[in-house]
Amino acid sequence: MKTIDKYLFQALDNYPYSLEETIESLDYAFSYDAKNTMVLCLYGRIQAEQLWNYEEAKNYFQEALAINIHALEVYPHYLQVLILNEDYEEAQKLIDFALTIKGINKSEIYVKKAILLEAQQQFKEALKEIKNAKLTTLQFAFDSDITEVEKRIKGKTELLEKKNKPKKAKKDSKKKSK
């Protein structure tokens, strides 16, 4: 095992519970190989998930993909940042490309597409992508993530339906009183 792997594993093991140790291990790993996509991805995740610095996170993810377009670990995290940063067009392009990459977890990418559509309040289309995610999933552990996103989207759909129903009821009661 290479020394960089030791530090990378330490960083992954510590994240997100011990950020100081994570950063220390990442810095050691980075000093051994500044072009390691896993290291860059974790730096990006820290920027996004802990510091909410989406622009800096995007820079790390872009750098990782410039080094290796097949760095499969980058795509889900990069997509999440693009969605949170409301870079919807860029996220859609990345999703379209990611779905062409051999070996990528397509189910996870379909879930990100559903989340992108959810963020744009296109709930019916989002549920179609959930169906695609379910059809392509090959990992039992990922099923609960898909189900949680589906529940959230269905809940929002129900909220919109309830919001629209009282208006119809008021119109109907006005017609009956005349």
C-alpha atoms as a PDB file:
ATOM      1  CA  MET A   1       0.000   0.000   0.000  1.00  0.00           C
ATOM      2  CA  LYS A   2       1.261   3.466  -0.901  1.00  0.00           C
ATOM      3  CA  THR A   3       1.778   6.094   1.778  1.00  0.00           C
ATOM      4  CA  ILE A   4      -0.793   8.361   0.119  1.00  0.00           C
ATOM      5  CA  ASP A   5      -3.401   5.624   0.476  1.00  0.00           C
ATOM      6  CA  LYS A   6      -2.726   5.423   4.211  1.00  0.00           C
ATOM      7  CA  TYR A   7      -3.385   9.156   4.640  1.00  0.00           C
ATOM      8  CA  LEU A   8      -6.359   9.098   2.300  1.00  0.00           C
ATOM      9  CA  PHE A   9      -7.939   6.242   4.256  1.00  0.00           C
ATOM     10  CA  GLN A  10      -7.324   8.108   7.508  1.00  0.00           C
ATOM     11  CA  ALA A  11      -9.002  11.202   6.056  1.00  0.00           C
ATOM     12  CA  LEU A  12     -11.995   9.201   4.805  1.00  0.00           C
ATOM     13  CA  ASP A  13     -12.253   7.398   8.129  1.00  0.00           C
ATOM     14  CA  ASN A  14     -12.206  10.668  10.085  1.00  0.00           C
ATOM     15  CA  TYR A  15     -14.623  12.581   7.869  1.00  0.00           C
ATOM     16  CA  PRO A  16     -16.961  14.196   8.955  1.00  0.00           C
ATOM     17  CA  TYR A  17     -16.513  13.343  12.631  1.00  0.00           C
ATOM     18  CA  SER A  18     -13.062  14.797  13.162  1.00  0.00           C
ATOM     19  CA  LEU A  19     -12.470  17.624  10.719  1.00  0.00           C
ATOM     20  CA  GLU A  20      -9.102  18.599  12.155  1.00  0.00           C
ATOM     21  CA  GLU A  21      -7.748  15.060  11.712  1.00  0.00           C
ATOM     22  CA  THR A  22      -9.394  14.824   8.295  1.00  0.00           C
ATOM     23  CA  ILE A  23      -7.652  17.983   7.079  1.00  0.00           C
ATOM     24  CA  GLU A  24      -4.323  16.889   8.553  1.00  0.00           C
ATOM     25  CA  SER A  25      -4.495  13.534   6.779  1.00  0.00           C
ATOM     26  CA  LEU A  26      -5.675  15.160   3.550  1.00  0.00           C
ATOM     27  CA  ASP A  27      -2.816  17.638   3.625  1.00  0.00           C
ATOM     28  CA  TYR A  28      -0.320  14.765   3.982  1.00  0.00           C
ATOM     29  CA  ALA A  29      -2.008  12.865   1.139  1.00  0.00           C
ATOM     30  CA  PHE A  30      -2.024  15.997  -1.017  1.00  0.00           C
ATOM     31  CA  SER A  31       1.707  16.512  -0.393  1.00  0.00           C
ATOM     32  CA  TYR A  32       2.358  13.020  -1.812  1.00  0.00           C
ATOM     33  CA  ASP A  33       0.101  13.486  -4.853  1.00  0.00           C
ATOM     34  CA  ALA A  34      -1.569  16.824  -5.661  1.00  0.00           C
ATOM     35  CA  LYS A  35      -3.413  15.187  -8.560  1.00  0.00           C
ATOM     36  CA  ASN A  36      -5.204  12.490  -6.576  1.00  0.00           C
ATOM     37  CA  THR A  37      -8.911  12.802  -7.430  1.00  0.00           C
ATOM     38  CA  MET A  38     -10.083  11.250  -4.156  1.00  0.00           C
ATOM     39  CA  VAL A  39      -8.119  13.842  -2.190  1.00  0.00           C
ATOM     40  CA  LEU A  40      -9.472  16.698  -4.314  1.00  0.00           C
ATOM     41  CA  CYS A  41     -13.005  15.317  -4.011  1.00  0.00           C
ATOM     42  CA  LEU A  42     -12.803  15.205  -0.220  1.00  0.00           C
ATOM     43  CA  TYR A  43     -11.432  18.760  -0.129  1.00  0.00           C
ATOM     44  CA  GLY A  44     -14.425  19.748  -2.269  1.00  0.00           C
ATOM     45  CA  ARG A  45     -16.833  17.965   0.035  1.00  0.00           C
ATOM     46  CA  ILE A  46     -15.414  19.746   3.059  1.00  0.00           C
ATOM     47  CA  GLN A  47     -15.827  23.095   1.318  1.00  0.00           C
ATOM     48  CA  ALA A  48     -19.434  22.277   0.389  1.00  0.00           C
ATOM     49  CA  GLU A  49     -20.728  20.258   3.321  1.00  0.00           C
ATOM     50  CA  GLN A  50     -18.912  21.928   6.210  1.00  0.00           C
ATOM     51  CA  LEU A  51     -18.101  25.455   5.048  1.00  0.00           C
ATOM     52  CA  TRP A  52     -20.929  25.961   2.519  1.00  0.00           C
ATOM     53  CA  ASN A  53     -18.415  27.444   0.127  1.00  0.00           C
ATOM     54  CA  TYR A  54     -19.925  26.068  -3.076  1.00  0.00           C
ATOM     55  CA  GLU A  55     -17.752  28.020  -5.504  1.00  0.00           C
ATOM     56  CA  GLU A  56     -14.559  26.710  -3.891  1.00  0.00           C
ATOM     57  CA  ALA A  57     -16.015  23.203  -3.800  1.00  0.00           C
ATOM     58  CA  LYS A  58     -16.798  23.457  -7.521  1.00  0.00           C
ATOM     59  CA  ASN A  59     -13.155  24.369  -8.168  1.00  0.00           C
ATOM     60  CA  TYR A  60     -11.944  21.218  -6.405  1.00  0.00           C
ATOM     61  CA  PHE A  61     -14.425  19.006  -8.262  1.00  0.00           C
ATOM     62  CA  GLN A  62     -13.556  20.596 -11.610  1.00  0.00           C
ATOM     63  CA  GLU A  63      -9.857  20.106 -10.930  1.00  0.00           C
ATOM     64  CA  ALA A  64     -10.431  16.438 -10.100  1.00  0.00           C
ATOM     65  CA  LEU A  65     -12.425  15.865 -13.293  1.00  0.00           C
ATOM     66  CA  ALA A  66      -9.802  17.712 -15.351  1.00  0.00           C
ATOM     67  CA  ILE A  67      -7.264  15.201 -14.056  1.00  0.00           C
ATOM     68  CA  ASN A  68      -9.516  12.173 -14.619  1.00  0.00           C
ATOM     69  CA  ILE A  69     -12.911  12.464 -16.306  1.00  0.00           C
ATOM     70  CA  HIS A  70     -13.641   8.939 -15.030  1.00  0.00           C
ATOM     71  CA  ALA A  71     -13.223   9.853 -11.351  1.00  0.00           C
ATOM     72  CA  LEU A  72     -16.539   8.265 -10.428  1.00  0.00           C
ATOM     73  CA  GLU A  73     -16.400   9.430  -6.806  1.00  0.00           C
ATOM     74  CA  VAL A  74     -16.641  13.087  -7.865  1.00  0.00           C
ATOM     75  CA  TYR A  75     -19.926  13.134  -9.792  1.00  0.00           C
ATOM     76  CA  PRO A  76     -22.528  12.689  -7.005  1.00  0.00           C
ATOM     77  CA  HIS A  77     -20.898  15.307  -4.785  1.00  0.00           C
ATOM     78  CA  TYR A  78     -20.305  17.740  -7.631  1.00  0.00           C
ATOM     79  CA  LEU A  79     -23.927  17.389  -8.742  1.00  0.00           C
ATOM     80  CA  GLN A  80     -25.183  18.067  -5.224  1.00  0.00           C
ATOM     81  CA  VAL A  81     -23.121  21.260  -5.071  1.00  0.00           C
ATOM     82  CA  LEU A  82     -24.391  22.430  -8.453  1.00  0.00           C
ATOM     83  CA  ILE A  83     -27.988  21.857  -7.339  1.00  0.00           C
ATOM     84  CA  LEU A  84     -27.504  23.628  -4.005  1.00  0.00           C
ATOM     85  CA  ASN A  85     -25.776  26.510  -5.785  1.00  0.00           C
ATOM     86  CA  GLU A  86     -28.718  26.702  -8.222  1.00  0.00           C
ATOM     87  CA  ASP A  87     -26.496  25.980 -11.222  1.00  0.00           C
ATOM     88  CA  TYR A  88     -29.292  23.939 -12.759  1.00  0.00           C
ATOM     89  CA  GLU A  89     -28.221  24.055 -16.414  1.00  0.00           C
ATOM     90  CA  GLU A  90     -24.672  23.019 -15.537  1.00  0.00           C
ATOM     91  CA  ALA A  91     -26.038  20.220 -13.325  1.00  0.00           C
ATOM     92  CA  GLN A  92     -28.219  18.903 -16.170  1.00  0.00           C
ATOM     93  CA  LYS A  93     -25.236  18.816 -18.536  1.00  0.00           C
ATOM     94  CA  LEU A  94     -23.138  16.986 -15.965  1.00  0.00           C
ATOM     95  CA  ILE A  95     -25.942  14.463 -15.364  1.00  0.00           C
ATOM     96  CA  ASP A  96     -26.265  13.814 -19.080  1.00  0.00           C
ATOM     97  CA  PHE A  97     -22.534  13.197 -19.332  1.00  0.00           C
ATOM     98  CA  ALA A  98     -22.295  11.142 -16.143  1.00  0.00           C
ATOM     99  CA  LEU A  99     -24.946   8.721 -17.385  1.00  0.00           C
ATOM    100  CA  THR A 100     -22.641   7.838 -20.310  1.00  0.00           C
ATOM    101  CA  ILE A 101     -19.700   6.855 -18.098  1.00  0.00           C
ATOM    102  CA  LYS A 102     -19.061   3.156 -17.842  1.00  0.00           C
ATOM    103  CA  GLY A 103     -19.110   1.893 -14.250  1.00  0.00           C
ATOM    104  CA  ILE A 104     -20.843   4.888 -12.676  1.00  0.00           C
ATOM    105  CA  ASN A 105     -23.668   4.233 -10.235  1.00  0.00           C
ATOM    106  CA  LYS A 106     -26.459   5.255 -12.618  1.00  0.00           C
ATOM    107  CA  SER A 107     -29.041   4.881  -9.880  1.00  0.00           C
ATOM    108  CA  GLU A 108     -27.293   7.550  -7.826  1.00  0.00           C
ATOM    109  CA  ILE A 109     -27.130   9.863 -10.841  1.00  0.00           C
ATOM    110  CA  TYR A 110     -30.863   9.377 -11.509  1.00  0.00           C
ATOM    111  CA  VAL A 111     -31.539  10.314  -7.877  1.00  0.00           C
ATOM    112  CA  LYS A 112     -29.490  13.488  -8.358  1.00  0.00           C
ATOM    113  CA  LYS A 113     -31.531  14.196 -11.495  1.00  0.00           C
ATOM    114  CA  ALA A 114     -34.711  13.760  -9.450  1.00  0.00           C
ATOM    115  CA  ILE A 115     -33.357  16.169  -6.837  1.00  0.00           C
ATOM    116  CA  LEU A 116     -32.501  18.658  -9.581  1.00  0.00           C
ATOM    117  CA  LEU A 117     -36.070  18.451 -10.900  1.00  0.00           C
ATOM    118  CA  GLU A 118     -37.405  18.695  -7.355  1.00  0.00           C
ATOM    119  CA  ALA A 119     -35.415  21.900  -6.828  1.00  0.00           C
ATOM    120  CA  GLN A 120     -37.094  23.262  -9.959  1.00  0.00           C
ATOM    121  CA  GLN A 121     -40.496  22.106  -8.630  1.00  0.00           C
ATOM    122  CA  GLN A 122     -40.980  19.663 -11.507  1.00  0.00           C
ATOM    123  CA  PHE A 123     -42.266  16.946  -9.220  1.00  0.00           C
ATOM    124  CA  LYS A 124     -43.891  14.606 -11.772  1.00  0.00           C
ATOM    125  CA  GLU A 125     -40.706  14.509 -13.828  1.00  0.00           C
ATOM    126  CA  ALA A 126     -38.700  13.975 -10.624  1.00  0.00           C
ATOM    127  CA  LEU A 127     -40.798  10.910  -9.762  1.00  0.00           C
ATOM    128  CA  LYS A 128     -40.076   9.487 -13.233  1.00  0.00           C
ATOM    129  CA  GLU A 129     -36.366   9.756 -12.465  1.00  0.00           C
ATOM    130  CA  ILE A 130     -36.938   7.996  -9.146  1.00  0.00           C
ATOM    131  CA  LYS A 131     -38.447   5.145 -11.156  1.00  0.00           C
ATOM    132  CA  ASN A 132     -35.297   5.069 -13.322  1.00  0.00           C
ATOM    133  CA  ALA A 133     -33.186   5.032 -10.167  1.00  0.00           C
ATOM    134  CA  LYS A 134     -35.125   2.059  -8.817  1.00  0.00           C
ATOM    135  CA  LEU A 135     -34.790   0.199 -12.110  1.00  0.00           C
ATOM    136  CA  THR A 136     -31.025   0.678 -12.276  1.00  0.00           C
ATOM    137  CA  THR A 137     -30.075   0.194  -8.630  1.00  0.00           C
ATOM    138  CA  LEU A 138     -27.783  -2.709  -7.936  1.00  0.00           C
ATOM    139  CA  GLN A 139     -27.038  -1.930  -4.299  1.00  0.00           C
ATOM    140  CA  PHE A 140     -29.446  -2.861  -1.542  1.00  0.00           C
ATOM    141  CA  ALA A 141     -28.069  -0.152   0.765  1.00  0.00           C
ATOM    142  CA  PHE A 142     -28.989   2.538  -1.763  1.00  0.00           C
ATOM    143  CA  ASP A 143     -32.690   1.558  -1.810  1.00  0.00           C
ATOM    144  CA  SER A 144     -33.464   3.476   1.385  1.00  0.00           C
ATOM    145  CA  ASP A 145     -31.896   6.660  -0.047  1.00  0.00           C
ATOM    146  CA  ILE A 146     -34.093   6.373  -3.129  1.00  0.00           C
ATOM    147  CA  THR A 147     -37.175   5.795  -0.973  1.00  0.00           C
ATOM    148  CA  GLU A 148     -36.431   8.845   1.205  1.00  0.00           C
ATOM    149  CA  VAL A 149     -36.103  11.136  -1.815  1.00  0.00           C
ATOM    150  CA  GLU A 150     -39.293   9.668  -3.282  1.00  0.00           C
ATOM    151  CA  LYS A 151     -41.207  10.278  -0.023  1.00  0.00           C
ATOM    152  CA  ARG A 152     -40.008  13.877   0.116  1.00  0.00           C
ATOM    153  CA  ILE A 153     -41.053  14.559  -3.484  1.00  0.00           C
ATOM    154  CA  LYS A 154     -44.452  12.897  -2.991  1.00  0.00           C
ATOM    155  CA  GLY A 155     -44.934  14.972   0.170  1.00  0.00           C
ATOM    156  CA  LYS A 156     -44.311  18.163  -1.791  1.00  0.00           C
ATOM    157  CA  THR A 157     -46.728  17.020  -4.486  1.00  0.00           C
ATOM    158  CA  GLU A 158     -49.396  16.421  -1.830  1.00  0.00           C
ATOM    159  CA  LEU A 159     -48.727  19.866  -0.356  1.00  0.00           C
ATOM    160  CA  LEU A 160     -49.346  21.468  -3.725  1.00  0.00           C
ATOM    161  CA  GLU A 161     -52.528  19.456  -4.230  1.00  0.00           C
ATOM    162  CA  LYS A 162     -53.861  20.518  -0.805  1.00  0.00           C
ATOM    163  CA  LYS A 163     -52.966  24.118  -1.540  1.00  0.00           C
ATOM    164  CA  ASN A 164     -54.981  24.022  -4.771  1.00  0.00           C
ATOM    165  CA  LYS A 165     -58.032  22.200  -3.318  1.00  0.00           C
ATOM    166  CA  PRO A 166     -59.305  24.966  -0.992  1.00  0.00           C
ATOM    167  CA  LYS A 167     -59.495  27.358  -3.941  1.00  0.00           C
ATOM    168  CA  LYS A 168     -61.732  24.954  -5.808  1.00  0.00           C
ATOM    169  CA  ALA A 169     -63.876  24.377  -2.721  1.00  0.00           C
ATOM    170  CA  LYS A 170     -64.380  28.128  -2.272  1.00  0.00           C
ATOM    171  CA  LYS A 171     -65.452  28.496  -5.900  1.00  0.00           C
ATOM    172  CA  ASP A 172     -67.884  25.601  -5.531  1.00  0.00           C
ATOM    173  CA  SER A 173     -69.425  27.085  -2.365  1.00  0.00           C
ATOM    174  CA  LYS A 174     -69.858  30.453  -4.073  1.00  0.00           C
ATOM    175  CA  LYS A 175     -71.688  28.775  -6.970  1.00  0.00           C
ATOM    176  CA  LYS A 176     -74.001  26.897  -4.563  1.00  0.00           C
ATOM    177  CA  SER A 177     -74.927  30.066  -2.644  1.00  0.00           C
ATOM    178  CA  LYS A 178     -76.120  31.820  -5.829  1.00  0.00           C
END
